[in-house]
């Protein structure tokens, strides 16, 4: 049990959730042997750096606990392999496609209890929509990344990716392993058919994208765009904006038809013995101060409506109801149920 955390009454919980001393911590929290340990997942890179240096230690200091963070993706297979009554994670942070798969297997709780996570009251509707398991704490916009030094002109639509002038320099993803590619496939159904679930229209559209350079991960796409190997590609906005200040000839395009939502989602495992602390962590990650610090480090759009970003971030990220209304969320439950069939068909398309 959580004896080292102490009796976390609703009054104390709300008080503890009201302030955060980010940037003021002199030293990491030194956990005692009997302190509770909260086992979570999280990304590496800049996200991992700031979590380790600031966000994590502040949480540990406030709640007198230890965070054990697994940043070795993928997380779902490890959760599957662990005991339901003693899961390897208390809180899982990953993208929506994996969260939906985990929920269907009963490995994560489908929703967060708003009574236990007060900051849930301040999130944009997309963060707790029927397309979300748990809660989305941030999102990125999936649109088009382009080189600005190739004379391509003003790009405004997803459909311009199919223009023959981009043959050989357009970029996409290995759809079976990349959620951006999977979301893009559903967008193809919307662009050229009756909607996200129009697989025939999507397959026909993918055929017409060839020749196309495909990669497994967005990091590889970023490198190809920076090197000029691709001139127009599918990518999330943070994959462009993270190079702000480096004078790179690249830009992000938000297509007129809307941008796909790449959510960063937190869920709690049903078998966790640290439910109280897990809910406190989710609430903490939704605090405006925490959201602002992370958003301005990794260029993710915060889910909390009360976050006020500095001007250069506010100008580009999804920080108003009007901007957020451009987000298109996909039906990952529907997609996951058909993933094997889709993978087989897509593999045939890109092998041909």
Protein backbone atom coordinates (compact mmCIF):
# COMPACT_ATOMS: atom_id res chain seq x y z
CA UNK A 1 0.00 0.00 0.00
CA UNK A 2 0.97 3.70 -0.15
CA UNK A 3 1.93 4.29 3.49
CA UNK A 4 4.99 6.36 2.48
CA UNK A 5 2.77 8.69 0.49
CA UNK A 6 0.59 9.27 3.51
CA UNK A 7 -3.18 9.68 3.59
CA UNK A 8 -3.89 11.51 0.34
CA UNK A 9 -7.21 13.13 1.15
CA UNK A 10 -9.13 14.98 -1.54
CA UNK A 11 -8.27 18.30 0.17
CA UNK A 12 -4.56 17.49 0.29
CA UNK A 13 -4.67 16.15 -3.26
CA UNK A 14 -6.22 19.33 -4.60
CA UNK A 15 -3.79 21.46 -2.61
CA UNK A 16 -0.82 19.46 -3.84
CA UNK A 17 -2.09 19.78 -7.38
CA UNK A 18 -2.32 23.56 -7.26
CA UNK A 19 1.33 24.50 -7.65
CA UNK A 20 4.59 23.27 -9.15
CA UNK A 21 8.14 24.43 -8.68
CA UNK A 22 9.49 23.54 -12.10
CA UNK A 23 13.04 24.77 -12.50
CA UNK A 24 13.52 25.35 -8.79
CA UNK A 25 14.68 21.90 -7.73
CA UNK A 26 18.22 21.91 -6.36
CA UNK A 27 18.67 18.14 -6.30
CA UNK A 28 16.79 14.96 -7.26
CA UNK A 29 14.52 13.44 -4.66
CA UNK A 30 16.36 10.78 -2.63
CA UNK A 31 13.86 7.98 -2.22
CA UNK A 32 13.70 5.95 0.97
CA UNK A 33 13.43 2.18 0.90
CA UNK A 34 9.78 2.27 1.94
CA UNK A 35 8.74 5.00 -0.52
CA UNK A 36 6.16 3.90 -3.11
CA UNK A 37 7.36 3.37 -6.68
CA UNK A 38 5.17 4.39 -9.61
CA UNK A 39 6.05 2.47 -12.76
CA UNK A 40 5.35 4.42 -15.93
CA UNK A 41 6.40 4.60 -19.57
CA UNK A 42 7.71 7.59 -21.49
CA UNK A 43 9.63 8.64 -24.56
CA UNK A 44 13.35 9.22 -24.83
CA UNK A 45 14.98 12.20 -26.57
CA UNK A 46 14.05 15.70 -25.40
CA UNK A 47 10.97 14.35 -23.63
CA UNK A 48 13.07 11.94 -21.62
CA UNK A 49 15.68 14.57 -20.80
CA UNK A 50 13.25 17.06 -19.29
CA UNK A 51 11.32 14.33 -17.49
CA UNK A 52 14.53 13.15 -15.86
CA UNK A 53 15.88 16.63 -15.09
CA UNK A 54 12.76 18.53 -13.99
CA UNK A 55 9.29 17.07 -14.35
CA UNK A 56 9.98 13.70 -12.75
CA UNK A 57 11.99 14.96 -9.75
CA UNK A 58 9.35 17.61 -9.01
CA UNK A 59 6.67 14.92 -8.88
CA UNK A 60 8.84 12.69 -6.69
CA UNK A 61 9.55 15.54 -4.27
CA UNK A 62 5.93 16.54 -3.97
CA UNK A 63 4.45 13.07 -3.58
CA UNK A 64 7.40 11.46 -1.75
CA UNK A 65 7.71 8.61 -4.18
CA UNK A 66 9.96 7.21 -6.87
CA UNK A 67 9.21 7.18 -10.59
CA UNK A 68 10.45 4.14 -12.49
CA UNK A 69 10.33 5.08 -16.18
CA UNK A 70 10.58 2.60 -19.07
CA UNK A 71 11.53 4.42 -22.27
CA UNK A 72 12.28 1.29 -24.31
CA UNK A 73 9.42 1.24 -26.82
CA UNK A 74 7.26 -0.76 -27.62
CA UNK A 75 5.48 -1.04 -24.28
CA UNK A 76 2.39 -3.09 -25.11
CA UNK A 77 4.18 -6.45 -25.53
CA UNK A 78 5.78 -6.03 -22.11
CA UNK A 79 2.45 -5.17 -20.52
CA UNK A 80 0.88 -8.20 -22.22
CA UNK A 81 3.58 -10.47 -20.85
CA UNK A 82 3.20 -9.24 -17.27
CA UNK A 83 0.70 -10.40 -14.67
CA UNK A 84 -2.76 -8.85 -14.78
CA UNK A 85 -2.74 -8.62 -10.98
CA UNK A 86 0.79 -7.18 -10.85
CA UNK A 87 1.30 -5.35 -14.16
CA UNK A 88 4.72 -4.09 -15.18
CA UNK A 89 3.28 -0.55 -15.44
CA UNK A 90 0.94 1.50 -13.27
CA UNK A 91 0.55 4.22 -15.91
CA UNK A 92 1.15 3.67 -19.61
CA UNK A 93 2.05 6.57 -21.89
CA UNK A 94 1.89 5.77 -25.58
CA UNK A 95 -0.10 6.69 -28.70
CA UNK A 96 -3.78 6.01 -29.28
CA UNK A 97 -3.39 2.98 -31.55
CA UNK A 98 -1.56 1.03 -28.82
CA UNK A 99 -3.85 2.29 -26.07
CA UNK A 100 -6.90 1.01 -27.93
CA UNK A 101 -5.25 -2.38 -28.43
CA UNK A 102 -4.41 -2.50 -24.71
CA UNK A 103 -7.97 -1.53 -23.76
CA UNK A 104 -9.47 -4.23 -25.97
CA UNK A 105 -7.31 -6.78 -24.12
CA UNK A 106 -8.37 -5.41 -20.75
CA UNK A 107 -4.82 -4.28 -19.95
CA UNK A 108 -5.67 -0.62 -19.28
CA UNK A 109 -8.72 1.12 -17.89
CA UNK A 110 -10.76 2.69 -20.71
CA UNK A 111 -11.40 5.99 -18.94
CA UNK A 112 -9.90 8.24 -16.28
CA UNK A 113 -12.12 9.10 -13.30
CA UNK A 114 -12.71 12.85 -13.39
CA UNK A 115 -13.42 12.88 -9.64
CA UNK A 116 -9.88 11.66 -8.99
CA UNK A 117 -8.22 13.81 -11.68
CA UNK A 118 -9.60 17.37 -11.28
CA UNK A 119 -7.56 18.82 -14.16
CA UNK A 120 -9.59 16.66 -16.52
CA UNK A 121 -12.23 19.38 -16.30
CA UNK A 122 -9.94 21.78 -18.18
CA UNK A 123 -8.98 19.70 -21.22
CA UNK A 124 -10.15 20.24 -24.79
CA UNK A 125 -12.93 17.84 -25.84
CA UNK A 126 -10.63 15.82 -28.13
CA UNK A 127 -8.56 14.73 -25.09
CA UNK A 128 -11.44 12.68 -23.67
CA UNK A 129 -13.51 12.04 -26.81
CA UNK A 130 -14.95 8.68 -27.81
CA UNK A 131 -11.80 8.20 -29.91
CA UNK A 132 -9.61 8.25 -26.79
CA UNK A 133 -8.81 5.59 -24.23
CA UNK A 134 -7.69 7.23 -20.98
CA UNK A 135 -6.78 10.88 -21.56
CA UNK A 136 -4.71 12.65 -24.19
CA UNK A 137 -2.28 14.98 -22.42
CA UNK A 138 -0.81 16.41 -25.65
CA UNK A 139 -1.31 16.09 -29.37
CA UNK A 140 0.69 16.74 -32.50
CA UNK A 141 -0.82 17.66 -35.84
CA UNK A 142 -0.09 15.25 -38.69
CA UNK A 143 0.09 17.12 -41.97
CA UNK A 144 2.71 17.73 -44.66
CA UNK A 145 6.35 18.64 -44.29
CA UNK A 146 7.96 20.44 -47.21
CA UNK A 147 11.25 21.84 -48.39
CA UNK A 148 10.98 25.58 -48.90
CA UNK A 149 14.01 25.80 -51.21
CA UNK A 150 12.64 23.72 -54.09
CA UNK A 151 10.20 26.20 -55.63
CA UNK A 152 7.14 24.10 -54.84
CA UNK A 153 4.93 27.10 -54.27
CA UNK A 154 2.04 27.37 -51.81
CA UNK A 155 0.81 23.92 -50.76
CA UNK A 156 -2.65 23.90 -49.19
CA UNK A 157 -4.16 20.42 -49.67
CA UNK A 158 -3.36 16.82 -48.82
CA UNK A 159 -4.13 15.99 -52.45
CA UNK A 160 -1.08 17.87 -53.64
CA UNK A 161 1.04 14.98 -52.38
CA UNK A 162 -0.22 13.05 -55.42
CA UNK A 163 1.07 15.69 -57.89
CA UNK A 164 3.49 14.09 -60.38
CA UNK A 165 6.13 16.75 -59.69
CA UNK A 166 6.81 15.02 -56.36
CA UNK A 167 7.55 11.64 -57.95
CA UNK A 168 10.74 10.38 -56.36
CA UNK A 169 10.80 13.02 -53.62
CA UNK A 170 7.57 12.29 -51.71
CA UNK A 171 7.80 10.52 -48.37
CA UNK A 172 5.56 8.19 -46.39
CA UNK A 173 5.70 5.32 -43.91
CA UNK A 174 5.77 1.55 -43.64
CA UNK A 175 2.12 1.42 -42.69
CA UNK A 176 2.11 -1.85 -40.70
CA UNK A 177 4.59 -0.43 -38.15
CA UNK A 178 3.89 3.30 -38.09
CA UNK A 179 0.76 4.95 -36.68
CA UNK A 180 1.24 8.08 -38.81
CA UNK A 181 1.08 5.87 -41.88
CA UNK A 182 -2.01 4.11 -40.54
CA UNK A 183 -3.78 7.39 -39.82
CA UNK A 184 -2.79 8.64 -43.28
CA UNK A 185 -4.33 5.54 -44.86
CA UNK A 186 -7.65 6.40 -43.20
CA UNK A 187 -7.26 10.00 -44.38
CA UNK A 188 -6.90 8.66 -47.93
CA UNK A 189 -10.34 7.08 -47.55
CA UNK A 190 -11.73 10.47 -46.58
CA UNK A 191 -9.95 12.35 -49.38
CA UNK A 192 -10.84 10.01 -52.21
CA UNK A 193 -13.79 7.98 -50.96
CA UNK A 194 -16.70 7.95 -48.55
CA UNK A 195 -14.74 8.37 -45.32
CA UNK A 196 -12.05 6.92 -43.09
CA UNK A 197 -13.39 3.38 -43.43
CA UNK A 198 -13.40 3.35 -47.26
CA UNK A 199 -10.49 0.96 -47.65
CA UNK A 200 -10.91 0.43 -51.39
CA UNK A 201 -10.53 4.17 -52.02
CA UNK A 202 -7.55 4.28 -49.66
CA UNK A 203 -5.78 1.38 -51.39
CA UNK A 204 -6.31 2.96 -54.81
CA UNK A 205 -4.92 6.26 -53.53
CA UNK A 206 -1.84 4.56 -52.07
CA UNK A 207 -1.16 2.84 -55.41
CA UNK A 208 -1.16 6.24 -57.09
CA UNK A 209 1.40 7.62 -54.62
CA UNK A 210 4.15 5.48 -56.09
CA UNK A 211 7.00 6.18 -56.50
CA UNK A 212 7.33 7.07 -52.82
CA UNK A 213 10.14 6.75 -50.29
CA UNK A 214 8.89 4.96 -47.19
CA UNK A 215 10.49 4.71 -43.76
CA UNK A 216 9.66 2.98 -40.48
CA UNK A 217 9.90 5.94 -38.11
CA UNK A 218 9.39 9.70 -38.14
CA UNK A 219 13.00 10.29 -37.04
CA UNK A 220 14.14 8.81 -40.35
CA UNK A 221 11.65 11.01 -42.22
CA UNK A 222 12.98 14.10 -40.46
CA UNK A 223 16.50 13.23 -41.60
CA UNK A 224 15.41 12.69 -45.21
CA UNK A 225 13.57 15.99 -45.27
CA UNK A 226 16.52 17.84 -43.74
CA UNK A 227 18.92 16.30 -46.26
CA UNK A 228 16.64 17.07 -49.20
CA UNK A 229 16.16 13.40 -50.05
CA UNK A 230 12.42 14.05 -49.82
CA UNK A 231 10.74 17.33 -50.69
CA UNK A 232 7.17 16.69 -49.49
CA UNK A 233 6.16 14.13 -46.90
CA UNK A 234 3.65 13.09 -44.27
CA UNK A 235 4.92 14.16 -40.85
CA UNK A 236 3.79 15.57 -37.51
CA UNK A 237 4.30 19.26 -36.79
CA UNK A 238 6.73 18.70 -33.91
CA UNK A 239 9.01 16.86 -36.38
CA UNK A 240 9.42 20.19 -38.18
CA UNK A 241 9.16 22.68 -35.34
CA UNK A 242 11.81 20.96 -33.19
CA UNK A 243 14.42 22.44 -35.57
CA UNK A 244 13.25 25.98 -34.89
CA UNK A 245 16.18 28.39 -34.80
CA UNK A 246 18.43 26.20 -36.97
CA UNK A 247 17.55 27.98 -40.25
CA UNK A 248 16.43 24.77 -41.93
CA UNK A 249 14.64 25.19 -45.31
CA UNK A 250 11.60 23.24 -44.11
CA UNK A 251 8.07 24.09 -43.10
CA UNK A 252 4.92 22.40 -41.85
CA UNK A 253 1.72 22.56 -43.89
CA UNK A 254 -1.68 22.26 -42.21
CA UNK A 255 -3.85 21.05 -45.11
CA UNK A 256 -7.17 22.77 -45.65
CA UNK A 257 -9.02 19.47 -45.14
CA UNK A 258 -7.70 19.29 -41.57
CA UNK A 259 -4.81 17.72 -39.69
CA UNK A 260 -4.73 14.25 -38.20
CA UNK A 261 -4.34 14.00 -34.44
CA UNK A 262 -1.31 12.18 -33.01
CA UNK A 263 -2.22 11.96 -29.34
CA UNK A 264 0.03 11.36 -26.35
CA UNK A 265 -2.20 9.29 -24.09
CA UNK A 266 -2.04 8.21 -20.44
CA UNK A 267 -3.93 5.20 -19.10
CA UNK A 268 -3.93 3.39 -15.75
CA UNK A 269 -3.68 -0.38 -15.49
CA UNK A 270 -6.53 -2.19 -13.70
CA UNK A 271 -4.16 -4.32 -11.60
CA UNK A 272 -2.03 -1.43 -10.34
CA UNK A 273 -1.48 -1.36 -6.59
CA UNK A 274 -0.71 2.38 -6.87
CA UNK A 275 -4.06 3.70 -8.13
CA UNK A 276 -4.04 6.77 -5.88
CA UNK A 277 -0.56 7.75 -6.96
CA UNK A 278 -1.31 6.89 -10.59
CA UNK A 279 -4.28 9.28 -10.62
CA UNK A 280 -2.12 11.93 -8.96
CA UNK A 281 0.45 11.51 -11.73
CA UNK A 282 -2.16 11.88 -14.49
CA UNK A 283 -3.49 15.02 -12.79
CA UNK A 284 0.06 16.36 -12.41
CA UNK A 285 0.82 15.85 -16.11
CA UNK A 286 -2.27 17.92 -16.93
CA UNK A 287 -1.24 20.88 -14.76
CA UNK A 288 -0.83 24.07 -16.81
CA UNK A 289 2.73 24.58 -15.52
CA UNK A 290 3.82 21.07 -16.44
CA UNK A 291 2.04 21.24 -19.78
CA UNK A 292 3.68 24.55 -20.65
CA UNK A 293 7.18 23.34 -19.81
CA UNK A 294 6.85 20.17 -21.83
CA UNK A 295 5.05 21.82 -24.77
CA UNK A 296 7.78 24.42 -25.10
CA UNK A 297 10.47 21.76 -24.98
CA UNK A 298 9.12 19.17 -27.43
CA UNK A 299 6.64 21.27 -29.46
CA UNK A 300 3.56 19.24 -28.48
CA UNK A 301 0.18 20.98 -28.29
CA UNK A 302 -1.13 20.93 -24.69
CA UNK A 303 -4.51 19.39 -23.89
CA UNK A 304 -5.24 21.76 -21.01
CA UNK A 305 -7.15 24.83 -22.23
CA UNK A 306 -5.67 27.01 -19.48
CA UNK A 307 -2.07 26.71 -20.70
CA UNK A 308 -0.57 30.00 -21.91
CA UNK A 309 2.42 29.41 -24.16
CA UNK A 310 5.06 31.94 -25.13
CA UNK A 311 4.33 33.73 -28.40
CA UNK A 312 6.45 31.67 -30.79
CA UNK A 313 4.89 28.41 -29.56
CA UNK A 314 1.40 29.83 -29.36
CA UNK A 315 1.63 30.92 -33.00
CA UNK A 316 2.30 27.40 -34.28
CA UNK A 317 0.73 24.95 -31.87
CA UNK A 318 -2.94 24.08 -31.35
CA UNK A 319 -3.75 26.44 -28.51
CA UNK A 320 -7.26 27.75 -29.24
CA UNK A 321 -10.66 26.10 -29.79
CA UNK A 322 -10.52 27.29 -33.41
CA UNK A 323 -7.16 25.61 -34.04
CA UNK A 324 -8.17 22.47 -32.18
CA UNK A 325 -11.30 22.21 -34.34
CA UNK A 326 -9.02 21.37 -37.29
CA UNK A 327 -7.97 18.10 -35.64
CA UNK A 328 -9.22 14.89 -37.21
CA UNK A 329 -9.29 11.91 -34.85
CA UNK A 330 -9.38 8.43 -36.35
CA UNK A 331 -11.17 5.31 -35.16
CA UNK A 332 -8.35 3.14 -33.85
CA UNK A 333 -10.72 0.50 -32.53
CA UNK A 334 -12.09 0.00 -36.03
CA UNK A 335 -8.59 0.02 -37.54
CA UNK A 336 -7.07 -2.43 -35.05
CA UNK A 337 -9.85 -4.93 -35.73
CA UNK A 338 -8.80 -4.97 -39.41
CA UNK A 339 -5.07 -4.40 -39.04
CA UNK A 340 -3.91 -7.83 -40.25
CA UNK A 341 -6.03 -7.59 -43.40
CA UNK A 342 -4.87 -4.01 -44.04
CA UNK A 343 -1.20 -4.92 -43.47
CA UNK A 344 -1.37 -7.71 -46.04
CA UNK A 345 -2.95 -5.49 -48.67
CA UNK A 346 -0.59 -2.57 -48.05
CA UNK A 347 2.45 -4.85 -48.22
CA UNK A 348 1.31 -6.06 -51.64
CA UNK A 349 0.87 -2.48 -52.83
CA UNK A 350 4.34 -1.34 -51.89
CA UNK A 351 6.09 -4.56 -52.97
CA UNK A 352 4.72 -4.25 -56.48
